[in-house]
PDB file of all heavy atoms in Angstrom:
ATOM      1  N   SER A   1      -7.139  -3.941 -25.275  1.00  0.00           N
ATOM      2  CA  SER A   1      -8.428  -3.792 -25.963  1.00  0.00           C
ATOM      3  C   SER A   1      -8.303  -4.299 -27.394  1.00  0.00           C
ATOM      4  O   SER A   1      -9.188  -5.041 -27.876  1.00  0.00           O
ATOM      5  CB  SER A   1      -8.781  -2.331 -26.037  1.00  0.00           C
ATOM      6  OG  SER A   1      -7.782  -1.528 -26.665  1.00  0.00           O
ATOM      7  N   VAL A   2      -7.203  -4.101 -28.191  1.00  0.00           N
ATOM      8  CA  VAL A   2      -7.103  -4.553 -29.463  1.00  0.00           C
ATOM      9  C   VAL A   2      -6.976  -6.136 -29.597  1.00  0.00           C
ATOM     10  O   VAL A   2      -7.681  -6.757 -30.323  1.00  0.00           O
ATOM     11  CB  VAL A   2      -5.862  -3.927 -30.145  1.00  0.00           C
ATOM     12  CG1 VAL A   2      -5.708  -4.587 -31.572  1.00  0.00           C
ATOM     13  CG2 VAL A   2      -6.103  -2.424 -30.353  1.00  0.00           C
ATOM     14  N   ALA A   3      -6.090  -6.676 -28.753  1.00  0.00           N
ATOM     15  CA  ALA A   3      -5.929  -8.087 -28.759  1.00  0.00           C
ATOM     16  C   ALA A   3      -7.195  -8.842 -28.320  1.00  0.00           C
ATOM     17  O   ALA A   3      -7.672  -9.869 -28.921  1.00  0.00           O
ATOM     18  CB  ALA A   3      -4.790  -8.544 -27.863  1.00  0.00           C
ATOM     19  N   GLY A   4      -7.873  -8.317 -27.293  1.00  0.00           N
ATOM     20  CA  GLY A   4      -9.119  -8.891 -26.856  1.00  0.00           C
ATOM     21  C   GLY A   4     -10.200  -8.833 -27.967  1.00  0.00           C
ATOM     22  O   GLY A   4     -10.974  -9.776 -28.181  1.00  0.00           O
ATOM     23  N   ALA A   5     -10.249  -7.652 -28.576  1.00  0.00           N
ATOM     24  CA  ALA A   5     -11.387  -7.496 -29.675  1.00  0.00           C
ATOM     25  C   ALA A   5     -11.016  -8.362 -30.874  1.00  0.00           C
ATOM     26  O   ALA A   5     -11.913  -8.962 -31.470  1.00  0.00           O
ATOM     27  CB  ALA A   5     -11.307  -6.041 -30.132  1.00  0.00           C
ATOM     28  N   ALA A   6      -9.706  -8.531 -31.233  1.00  0.00           N
ATOM     29  CA  ALA A   6      -9.381  -9.419 -32.360  1.00  0.00           C
ATOM     30  C   ALA A   6      -9.706 -10.809 -32.155  1.00  0.00           C
ATOM     31  O   ALA A   6     -10.096 -11.589 -33.000  1.00  0.00           O
ATOM     32  CB  ALA A   6      -7.920  -9.189 -32.639  1.00  0.00           C
ATOM     33  N   ALA A   7      -9.473 -11.297 -30.862  1.00  0.00           N
ATOM     34  CA  ALA A   7      -9.660 -12.662 -30.569  1.00  0.00           C
ATOM     35  C   ALA A   7     -11.140 -12.944 -30.091  1.00  0.00           C
ATOM     36  O   ALA A   7     -11.579 -14.107 -29.967  1.00  0.00           O
ATOM     37  CB  ALA A   7      -8.741 -13.156 -29.413  1.00  0.00           C
ATOM     38  N   GLY A   8     -11.945 -11.905 -29.839  1.00  0.00           N
ATOM     39  CA  GLY A   8     -13.228 -12.028 -29.323  1.00  0.00           C
ATOM     40  C   GLY A   8     -13.313 -12.447 -27.908  1.00  0.00           C
ATOM     41  O   GLY A   8     -14.377 -12.883 -27.492  1.00  0.00           O
ATOM     42  N   ASN A   9     -12.189 -12.278 -27.161  1.00  0.00           N
ATOM     43  CA  ASN A   9     -12.192 -12.737 -25.741  1.00  0.00           C
ATOM     44  C   ASN A   9     -11.109 -11.811 -25.084  1.00  0.00           C
ATOM     45  O   ASN A   9      -9.995 -11.834 -25.513  1.00  0.00           O
ATOM     46  CB  ASN A   9     -11.763 -14.214 -25.614  1.00  0.00           C
ATOM     47  CG  ASN A   9     -11.828 -14.688 -24.175  1.00  0.00           C
ATOM     48  OD1 ASN A   9     -11.828 -13.931 -23.216  1.00  0.00           O
ATOM     49  ND2 ASN A   9     -11.912 -16.006 -24.078  1.00  0.00           N
ATOM     50  N   TRP A  10     -11.534 -11.147 -24.064  1.00  0.00           N
ATOM     51  CA  TRP A  10     -10.624 -10.127 -23.341  1.00  0.00           C
ATOM     52  C   TRP A  10      -9.465 -10.795 -22.757  1.00  0.00           C
ATOM     53  O   TRP A  10      -8.396 -10.181 -22.538  1.00  0.00           O
ATOM     54  CB  TRP A  10     -11.424  -9.389 -22.271  1.00  0.00           C
ATOM     55  CG  TRP A  10     -11.841 -10.288 -21.125  1.00  0.00           C
ATOM     56  CD1 TRP A  10     -13.119 -10.917 -21.032  1.00  0.00           C
ATOM     57  CD2 TRP A  10     -11.237 -10.615 -19.941  1.00  0.00           C
ATOM     58  NE1 TRP A  10     -13.156 -11.580 -19.925  1.00  0.00           N
ATOM     59  CE2 TRP A  10     -12.020 -11.415 -19.157  1.00  0.00           C
ATOM     60  CE3 TRP A  10      -9.960 -10.288 -19.440  1.00  0.00           C
ATOM     61  CZ2 TRP A  10     -11.600 -12.003 -17.894  1.00  0.00           C
ATOM     62  CZ3 TRP A  10      -9.557 -10.803 -18.254  1.00  0.00           C
ATOM     63  CH2 TRP A  10     -10.442 -11.678 -17.530  1.00  0.00           C
ATOM     64  N   ARG A  11      -9.533 -12.060 -22.454  1.00  0.00           N
ATOM     65  CA  ARG A  11      -8.389 -12.766 -21.794  1.00  0.00           C
ATOM     66  C   ARG A  11      -7.233 -12.912 -22.733  1.00  0.00           C
ATOM     67  O   ARG A  11      -6.080 -13.023 -22.157  1.00  0.00           O
ATOM     68  CB  ARG A  11      -8.844 -14.257 -21.438  1.00  0.00           C
ATOM     69  CG  ARG A  11      -9.951 -14.284 -20.338  1.00  0.00           C
ATOM     70  CD  ARG A  11     -10.466 -15.590 -20.023  1.00  0.00           C
ATOM     71  NE  ARG A  11     -11.528 -15.645 -19.036  1.00  0.00           N
ATOM     72  CZ  ARG A  11     -11.327 -15.646 -17.772  1.00  0.00           C
ATOM     73  NH1 ARG A  11      -9.998 -15.628 -17.264  1.00  0.00           N
ATOM     74  NH2 ARG A  11     -12.225 -15.614 -16.910  1.00  0.00           N
ATOM     75  N   TRP A  12      -7.313 -12.823 -24.066  1.00  0.00           N
ATOM     76  CA  TRP A  12      -6.203 -12.827 -24.981  1.00  0.00           C
ATOM     77  C   TRP A  12      -5.395 -11.548 -24.808  1.00  0.00           C
ATOM     78  O   TRP A  12      -4.207 -11.565 -25.130  1.00  0.00           O
ATOM     79  CB  TRP A  12      -6.688 -13.013 -26.399  1.00  0.00           C
ATOM     80  CG  TRP A  12      -6.974 -14.513 -26.636  1.00  0.00           C
ATOM     81  CD1 TRP A  12      -8.145 -15.170 -26.642  1.00  0.00           C
ATOM     82  CD2 TRP A  12      -5.982 -15.525 -26.931  1.00  0.00           C
ATOM     83  NE1 TRP A  12      -8.012 -16.432 -26.907  1.00  0.00           N
ATOM     84  CE2 TRP A  12      -6.642 -16.768 -27.115  1.00  0.00           C
ATOM     85  CE3 TRP A  12      -4.534 -15.516 -27.020  1.00  0.00           C
ATOM     86  CZ2 TRP A  12      -6.113 -17.909 -27.351  1.00  0.00           C
ATOM     87  CZ3 TRP A  12      -4.004 -16.779 -27.364  1.00  0.00           C
ATOM     88  CH2 TRP A  12      -4.709 -17.964 -27.553  1.00  0.00           C
ATOM     89  N   GLY A  13      -6.012 -10.522 -24.257  1.00  0.00           N
ATOM     90  CA  GLY A  13      -5.271  -9.270 -24.046  1.00  0.00           C
ATOM     91  C   GLY A  13      -4.179  -9.439 -22.953  1.00  0.00           C
ATOM     92  O   GLY A  13      -3.156  -8.759 -22.922  1.00  0.00           O
ATOM     93  N   LEU A  14      -4.415 -10.410 -21.983  1.00  0.00           N
ATOM     94  CA  LEU A  14      -3.443 -10.732 -20.946  1.00  0.00           C
ATOM     95  C   LEU A  14      -2.381 -11.663 -21.405  1.00  0.00           C
ATOM     96  O   LEU A  14      -1.371 -11.873 -20.650  1.00  0.00           O
ATOM     97  CB  LEU A  14      -4.157 -11.318 -19.807  1.00  0.00           C
ATOM     98  CG  LEU A  14      -5.266 -10.508 -19.097  1.00  0.00           C
ATOM     99  CD1 LEU A  14      -5.843 -11.211 -17.955  1.00  0.00           C
ATOM    100  CD2 LEU A  14      -4.741  -9.080 -18.654  1.00  0.00           C
ATOM    101  N   ARG A  15      -2.497 -12.219 -22.595  1.00  0.00           N
ATOM    102  CA  ARG A  15      -1.541 -13.252 -22.994  1.00  0.00           C
ATOM    103  C   ARG A  15      -0.464 -12.755 -23.890  1.00  0.00           C
ATOM    104  O   ARG A  15       0.316 -13.614 -24.447  1.00  0.00           O
ATOM    105  CB  ARG A  15      -2.259 -14.431 -23.619  1.00  0.00           C
ATOM    106  CG  ARG A  15      -3.262 -15.081 -22.662  1.00  0.00           C
ATOM    107  CD  ARG A  15      -4.220 -15.972 -23.364  1.00  0.00           C
ATOM    108  NE  ARG A  15      -5.214 -16.483 -22.392  1.00  0.00           N
ATOM    109  CZ  ARG A  15      -6.408 -17.128 -22.720  1.00  0.00           C
ATOM    110  NH1 ARG A  15      -6.629 -17.390 -24.034  1.00  0.00           N
ATOM    111  NH2 ARG A  15      -7.226 -17.554 -21.800  1.00  0.00           N
ATOM    112  N   VAL A  16      -0.403 -11.471 -24.067  1.00  0.00           N
ATOM    113  CA  VAL A  16       0.610 -10.923 -25.002  1.00  0.00           C
ATOM    114  C   VAL A  16       1.920 -10.673 -24.229  1.00  0.00           C
ATOM    115  O   VAL A  16       3.010 -11.090 -24.694  1.00  0.00           O
ATOM    116  CB  VAL A  16       0.100  -9.564 -25.623  1.00  0.00           C
ATOM    117  CG1 VAL A  16       1.236  -8.902 -26.484  1.00  0.00           C
ATOM    118  CG2 VAL A  16      -1.124  -9.733 -26.494  1.00  0.00           C
ATOM    119  N   THR A  17       1.876 -10.007 -23.131  1.00  0.00           N
ATOM    120  CA  THR A  17       3.125  -9.621 -22.322  1.00  0.00           C
ATOM    121  C   THR A  17       3.842 -10.866 -21.840  1.00  0.00           C
ATOM    122  O   THR A  17       5.082 -10.832 -21.677  1.00  0.00           O
ATOM    123  CB  THR A  17       2.762  -8.697 -21.222  1.00  0.00           C
ATOM    124  OG1 THR A  17       1.662  -9.242 -20.410  1.00  0.00           O
ATOM    125  CG2 THR A  17       2.370  -7.321 -21.769  1.00  0.00           C
ATOM    126  N   PRO A  18       3.113 -12.065 -21.370  1.00  0.00           N
ATOM    127  CA  PRO A  18       3.936 -13.126 -20.929  1.00  0.00           C
ATOM    128  C   PRO A  18       4.933 -13.656 -21.907  1.00  0.00           C
ATOM    129  O   PRO A  18       6.062 -14.107 -21.578  1.00  0.00           O
ATOM    130  CB  PRO A  18       2.858 -14.139 -20.626  1.00  0.00           C
ATOM    131  CG  PRO A  18       1.610 -13.323 -20.211  1.00  0.00           C
ATOM    132  CD  PRO A  18       1.683 -12.146 -21.111  1.00  0.00           C
ATOM    133  N   PHE A  19       4.614 -13.673 -23.254  1.00  0.00           N
ATOM    134  CA  PHE A  19       5.555 -14.122 -24.229  1.00  0.00           C
ATOM    135  C   PHE A  19       6.721 -13.137 -24.335  1.00  0.00           C
ATOM    136  O   PHE A  19       7.860 -13.610 -24.492  1.00  0.00           O
ATOM    137  CB  PHE A  19       4.858 -14.294 -25.557  1.00  0.00           C
ATOM    138  CG  PHE A  19       3.969 -15.462 -25.656  1.00  0.00           C
ATOM    139  CD1 PHE A  19       2.503 -15.293 -25.447  1.00  0.00           C
ATOM    140  CD2 PHE A  19       4.382 -16.779 -25.746  1.00  0.00           C
ATOM    141  CE1 PHE A  19       1.651 -16.336 -25.453  1.00  0.00           C
ATOM    142  CE2 PHE A  19       3.483 -17.795 -25.769  1.00  0.00           C
ATOM    143  CZ  PHE A  19       2.166 -17.634 -25.649  1.00  0.00           C
ATOM    144  N   LEU A  20       6.455 -11.873 -24.234  1.00  0.00           N
ATOM    145  CA  LEU A  20       7.490 -10.808 -24.327  1.00  0.00           C
ATOM    146  C   LEU A  20       8.391 -11.007 -22.984  1.00  0.00           C
ATOM    147  O   LEU A  20       9.547 -10.782 -23.041  1.00  0.00           O
ATOM    148  CB  LEU A  20       6.929  -9.538 -24.352  1.00  0.00           C
ATOM    149  CG  LEU A  20       6.159  -9.143 -25.651  1.00  0.00           C
ATOM    150  CD1 LEU A  20       5.454  -7.748 -25.441  1.00  0.00           C
ATOM    151  CD2 LEU A  20       6.987  -9.263 -26.840  1.00  0.00           C
ATOM    152  N   GLY A  21       7.688 -11.421 -21.879  1.00  0.00           N
ATOM    153  CA  GLY A  21       8.473 -11.644 -20.625  1.00  0.00           C
ATOM    154  C   GLY A  21       9.391 -12.765 -20.752  1.00  0.00           C
ATOM    155  O   GLY A  21      10.471 -12.700 -20.147  1.00  0.00           O
ATOM    156  N   ALA A  22       8.970 -13.792 -21.469  1.00  0.00           N
ATOM    157  CA  ALA A  22       9.916 -14.901 -21.619  1.00  0.00           C
ATOM    158  C   ALA A  22      11.125 -14.532 -22.414  1.00  0.00           C
ATOM    159  O   ALA A  22      12.289 -14.934 -22.087  1.00  0.00           O
ATOM    160  CB  ALA A  22       9.213 -16.047 -22.380  1.00  0.00           C
ATOM    161  N   VAL A  23      10.994 -13.709 -23.422  1.00  0.00           N
ATOM    162  CA  VAL A  23      12.144 -13.116 -24.153  1.00  0.00           C
ATOM    163  C   VAL A  23      12.981 -12.313 -23.229  1.00  0.00           C
ATOM    164  O   VAL A  23      14.246 -12.390 -23.279  1.00  0.00           O
ATOM    165  CB  VAL A  23      11.672 -12.262 -25.363  1.00  0.00           C
ATOM    166  CG1 VAL A  23      12.892 -11.614 -26.018  1.00  0.00           C
ATOM    167  CG2 VAL A  23      10.853 -13.122 -26.314  1.00  0.00           C
ATOM    168  N   ALA A  24      12.427 -11.556 -22.318  1.00  0.00           N
ATOM    169  CA  ALA A  24      13.188 -10.687 -21.334  1.00  0.00           C
ATOM    170  C   ALA A  24      13.956 -11.568 -20.450  1.00  0.00           C
ATOM    171  O   ALA A  24      15.103 -11.124 -20.130  1.00  0.00           O
ATOM    172  CB  ALA A  24      12.136  -9.773 -20.633  1.00  0.00           C
ATOM    173  N   VAL A  25      13.416 -12.585 -19.925  1.00  0.00           N
ATOM    174  CA  VAL A  25      14.199 -13.461 -19.078  1.00  0.00           C
ATOM    175  C   VAL A  25      15.387 -14.045 -19.688  1.00  0.00           C
ATOM    176  O   VAL A  25      16.517 -14.027 -19.145  1.00  0.00           O
ATOM    177  CB  VAL A  25      13.276 -14.623 -18.525  1.00  0.00           C
ATOM    178  CG1 VAL A  25      14.083 -15.705 -17.881  1.00  0.00           C
ATOM    179  CG2 VAL A  25      12.094 -14.163 -17.652  1.00  0.00           C
ATOM    180  N   ILE A  26      15.343 -14.408 -21.058  1.00  0.00           N
ATOM    181  CA  ILE A  26      16.532 -14.863 -21.716  1.00  0.00           C
ATOM    182  C   ILE A  26      17.581 -13.785 -21.839  1.00  0.00           C
ATOM    183  O   ILE A  26      18.748 -14.052 -21.602  1.00  0.00           O
ATOM    184  CB  ILE A  26      16.121 -15.405 -23.149  1.00  0.00           C
ATOM    185  CG1 ILE A  26      15.195 -16.641 -22.924  1.00  0.00           C
ATOM    186  CG2 ILE A  26      17.349 -15.746 -23.978  1.00  0.00           C
ATOM    187  CD1 ILE A  26      14.542 -17.106 -24.272  1.00  0.00           C
ATOM    188  N   LEU A  27      17.144 -12.578 -22.170  1.00  0.00           N
ATOM    189  CA  LEU A  27      18.047 -11.441 -22.367  1.00  0.00           C
ATOM    190  C   LEU A  27      18.730 -11.124 -21.034  1.00  0.00           C
ATOM    191  O   LEU A  27      19.939 -10.790 -20.943  1.00  0.00           O
ATOM    192  CB  LEU A  27      17.307 -10.299 -22.912  1.00  0.00           C
ATOM    193  CG  LEU A  27      16.779 -10.378 -24.342  1.00  0.00           C
ATOM    194  CD1 LEU A  27      15.957  -9.158 -24.748  1.00  0.00           C
ATOM    195  CD2 LEU A  27      18.016 -10.542 -25.299  1.00  0.00           C
ATOM    196  N   ILE A  28      17.913 -11.083 -19.936  1.00  0.00           N
ATOM    197  CA  ILE A  28      18.510 -10.800 -18.603  1.00  0.00           C
ATOM    198  C   ILE A  28      19.531 -11.817 -18.187  1.00  0.00           C
ATOM    199  O   ILE A  28      20.579 -11.458 -17.722  1.00  0.00           O
ATOM    200  CB  ILE A  28      17.369 -10.683 -17.569  1.00  0.00           C
ATOM    201  CG1 ILE A  28      16.462  -9.526 -17.922  1.00  0.00           C
ATOM    202  CG2 ILE A  28      17.871 -10.622 -16.117  1.00  0.00           C
ATOM    203  CD1 ILE A  28      15.121  -9.532 -17.080  1.00  0.00           C
ATOM    204  N   THR A  29      19.250 -13.076 -18.457  1.00  0.00           N
ATOM    205  CA  THR A  29      20.051 -14.138 -18.000  1.00  0.00           C
ATOM    206  C   THR A  29      21.406 -14.220 -18.736  1.00  0.00           C
ATOM    207  O   THR A  29      22.470 -14.459 -18.207  1.00  0.00           O
ATOM    208  CB  THR A  29      19.357 -15.517 -18.119  1.00  0.00           C
ATOM    209  OG1 THR A  29      18.133 -15.431 -17.320  1.00  0.00           O
ATOM    210  CG2 THR A  29      20.278 -16.588 -17.556  1.00  0.00           C
ATOM    211  N   TRP A  30      21.347 -13.987 -20.083  1.00  0.00           N
ATOM    212  CA  TRP A  30      22.497 -14.255 -20.897  1.00  0.00           C
ATOM    213  C   TRP A  30      23.189 -12.943 -21.429  1.00  0.00           C
ATOM    214  O   TRP A  30      24.323 -13.048 -21.922  1.00  0.00           O
ATOM    215  CB  TRP A  30      22.077 -15.128 -22.100  1.00  0.00           C
ATOM    216  CG  TRP A  30      21.614 -16.405 -21.663  1.00  0.00           C
ATOM    217  CD1 TRP A  30      20.333 -16.865 -21.638  1.00  0.00           C
ATOM    218  CD2 TRP A  30      22.354 -17.596 -21.207  1.00  0.00           C
ATOM    219  NE1 TRP A  30      20.271 -18.150 -21.166  1.00  0.00           N
ATOM    220  CE2 TRP A  30      21.529 -18.515 -20.879  1.00  0.00           C
ATOM    221  CE3 TRP A  30      23.808 -17.726 -21.044  1.00  0.00           C
ATOM    222  CZ2 TRP A  30      21.964 -19.853 -20.441  1.00  0.00           C
ATOM    223  CZ3 TRP A  30      24.227 -19.012 -20.507  1.00  0.00           C
ATOM    224  CH2 TRP A  30      23.350 -20.044 -20.261  1.00  0.00           C
ATOM    225  N   VAL A  31      22.505 -11.797 -21.411  1.00  0.00           N
ATOM    226  CA  VAL A  31      23.081 -10.623 -22.022  1.00  0.00           C
ATOM    227  C   VAL A  31      23.321  -9.500 -21.045  1.00  0.00           C
ATOM    228  O   VAL A  31      24.323  -8.816 -21.077  1.00  0.00           O
ATOM    229  CB  VAL A  31      22.209 -10.114 -23.230  1.00  0.00           C
ATOM    230  CG1 VAL A  31      22.828  -8.937 -23.881  1.00  0.00           C
ATOM    231  CG2 VAL A  31      21.963 -11.283 -24.198  1.00  0.00           C
ATOM    232  N   MET A  32      22.394  -9.274 -20.135  1.00  0.00           N
ATOM    233  CA  MET A  32      22.422  -8.095 -19.235  1.00  0.00           C
ATOM    234  C   MET A  32      23.653  -8.147 -18.413  1.00  0.00           C
ATOM    235  O   MET A  32      23.995  -9.134 -17.881  1.00  0.00           O
ATOM    236  CB  MET A  32      21.155  -8.051 -18.446  1.00  0.00           C
ATOM    237  CG  MET A  32      21.048  -6.732 -17.648  1.00  0.00           C
ATOM    238  SD  MET A  32      19.677  -6.841 -16.453  1.00  0.00           S
ATOM    239  CE  MET A  32      20.511  -7.640 -15.058  1.00  0.00           C
ATOM    240  N   GLN A  33      24.269  -6.963 -18.223  1.00  0.00           N
ATOM    241  CA  GLN A  33      25.430  -6.819 -17.273  1.00  0.00           C
ATOM    242  C   GLN A  33      24.933  -6.540 -15.915  1.00  0.00           C
ATOM    243  O   GLN A  33      24.027  -5.646 -15.744  1.00  0.00           O
ATOM    244  CB  GLN A  33      26.329  -5.736 -17.817  1.00  0.00           C
ATOM    245  CG  GLN A  33      27.655  -5.549 -16.992  1.00  0.00           C
ATOM    246  CD  GLN A  33      28.530  -4.485 -17.553  1.00  0.00           C
ATOM    247  OE1 GLN A  33      28.104  -3.731 -18.492  1.00  0.00           O
ATOM    248  NE2 GLN A  33      29.683  -4.285 -17.028  1.00  0.00           N
ATOM    249  N   ASP A  34      25.542  -7.101 -14.885  1.00  0.00           N
ATOM    250  CA  ASP A  34      25.234  -6.852 -13.516  1.00  0.00           C
ATOM    251  C   ASP A  34      26.563  -6.324 -12.809  1.00  0.00           C
ATOM    252  O   ASP A  34      27.284  -7.109 -12.347  1.00  0.00           O
ATOM    253  CB  ASP A  34      24.665  -8.062 -12.775  1.00  0.00           C
ATOM    254  CG  ASP A  34      24.230  -7.724 -11.369  1.00  0.00           C
ATOM    255  OD1 ASP A  34      24.244  -6.546 -10.974  1.00  0.00           O
ATOM    256  OD2 ASP A  34      23.965  -8.722 -10.623  1.00  0.00           O
ATOM    257  N   PRO A  35      26.783  -5.050 -12.826  1.00  0.00           N
ATOM    258  CA  PRO A  35      28.084  -4.487 -12.293  1.00  0.00           C
ATOM    259  C   PRO A  35      28.170  -4.590 -10.806  1.00  0.00           C
ATOM    260  O   PRO A  35      27.093  -4.746 -10.105  1.00  0.00           O
ATOM    261  CB  PRO A  35      28.007  -3.055 -12.836  1.00  0.00           C
ATOM    262  CG  PRO A  35      26.601  -2.677 -12.878  1.00  0.00           C
ATOM    263  CD  PRO A  35      25.839  -3.888 -13.305  1.00  0.00           C
ATOM    264  N   GLU A  36      29.389  -4.440 -10.374  1.00  0.00           N
ATOM    265  CA  GLU A  36      29.572  -4.344  -8.870  1.00  0.00           C
ATOM    266  C   GLU A  36      28.865  -2.997  -8.360  1.00  0.00           C
ATOM    267  O   GLU A  36      28.783  -2.017  -9.080  1.00  0.00           O
ATOM    268  CB  GLU A  36      31.049  -4.379  -8.535  1.00  0.00           C
ATOM    269  CG  GLU A  36      31.774  -5.559  -8.806  1.00  0.00           C
ATOM    270  CD  GLU A  36      31.334  -6.704  -7.866  1.00  0.00           C
ATOM    271  OE1 GLU A  36      30.982  -6.374  -6.763  1.00  0.00           O
ATOM    272  OE2 GLU A  36      31.354  -7.856  -8.326  1.00  0.00           O
ATOM    273  N   ARG A  37      28.352  -3.080  -7.208  1.00  0.00           N
ATOM    274  CA  ARG A  37      27.649  -1.890  -6.683  1.00  0.00           C
ATOM    275  C   ARG A  37      28.695  -0.725  -6.409  1.00  0.00           C
ATOM    276  O   ARG A  37      29.742  -0.967  -5.832  1.00  0.00           O
ATOM    277  CB  ARG A  37      27.050  -2.351  -5.259  1.00  0.00           C
ATOM    278  CG  ARG A  37      25.820  -3.263  -5.457  1.00  0.00           C
ATOM    279  CD  ARG A  37      25.438  -3.993  -4.334  1.00  0.00           C
ATOM    280  NE  ARG A  37      24.356  -4.945  -4.530  1.00  0.00           N
ATOM    281  CZ  ARG A  37      24.490  -6.127  -5.033  1.00  0.00           C
ATOM    282  NH1 ARG A  37      25.724  -6.541  -5.405  1.00  0.00           N
ATOM    283  NH2 ARG A  37      23.482  -6.889  -5.277  1.00  0.00           N
ATOM    284  N   GLY A  38      28.393   0.371  -7.035  1.00  0.00           N
ATOM    285  CA  GLY A  38      29.251   1.537  -6.936  1.00  0.00           C
ATOM    286  C   GLY A  38      30.353   1.492  -8.042  1.00  0.00           C
ATOM    287  O   GLY A  38      31.265   2.255  -7.956  1.00  0.00           O
ATOM    288  N   HIS A  39      30.128   0.633  -9.004  1.00  0.00           N
ATOM    289  CA  HIS A  39      31.204   0.414 -10.002  1.00  0.00           C
ATOM    290  C   HIS A  39      31.542   1.740 -10.793  1.00  0.00           C
ATOM    291  O   HIS A  39      32.686   2.096 -10.931  1.00  0.00           O
ATOM    292  CB  HIS A  39      30.724  -0.628 -11.031  1.00  0.00           C
ATOM    293  CG  HIS A  39      31.520  -0.678 -12.301  1.00  0.00           C
ATOM    294  ND1 HIS A  39      32.805  -1.305 -12.327  1.00  0.00           N
ATOM    295  CD2 HIS A  39      31.291  -0.260 -13.576  1.00  0.00           C
ATOM    296  CE1 HIS A  39      33.337  -1.152 -13.577  1.00  0.00           C
ATOM    297  NE2 HIS A  39      32.389  -0.558 -14.364  1.00  0.00           N
ATOM    298  N   ALA A  40      30.510   2.476 -11.153  1.00  0.00           N
ATOM    299  CA  ALA A  40      30.781   3.685 -11.978  1.00  0.00           C
ATOM    300  C   ALA A  40      31.528   4.688 -11.128  1.00  0.00           C
ATOM    301  O   ALA A  40      32.263   5.517 -11.625  1.00  0.00           O
ATOM    302  CB  ALA A  40      29.404   4.281 -12.479  1.00  0.00           C
ATOM    303  N   GLU A  41      31.235   4.708  -9.835  1.00  0.00           N
ATOM    304  CA  GLU A  41      31.953   5.692  -8.938  1.00  0.00           C
ATOM    305  C   GLU A  41      33.133   5.080  -8.361  1.00  0.00           C
ATOM    306  O   GLU A  41      33.798   5.764  -7.500  1.00  0.00           O
ATOM    307  CB  GLU A  41      30.916   6.127  -7.802  1.00  0.00           C
ATOM    308  CG  GLU A  41      29.701   6.902  -8.411  1.00  0.00           C
ATOM    309  CD  GLU A  41      28.433   6.591  -7.574  1.00  0.00           C
ATOM    310  OE1 GLU A  41      28.163   5.460  -7.338  1.00  0.00           O
ATOM    311  OE2 GLU A  41      27.698   7.592  -7.284  1.00  0.00           O
TER     312      GLU A  41
END
């Protein structure tokens, strides 16, 4: 609601999370650990 109201177009409300998603993809690919299944046990 806030992004849409600020831009005068509701569609801009949908364009916030995609940029955050791009940051998430970088973090997942280069930083996140993917342990072996059952590693903790």
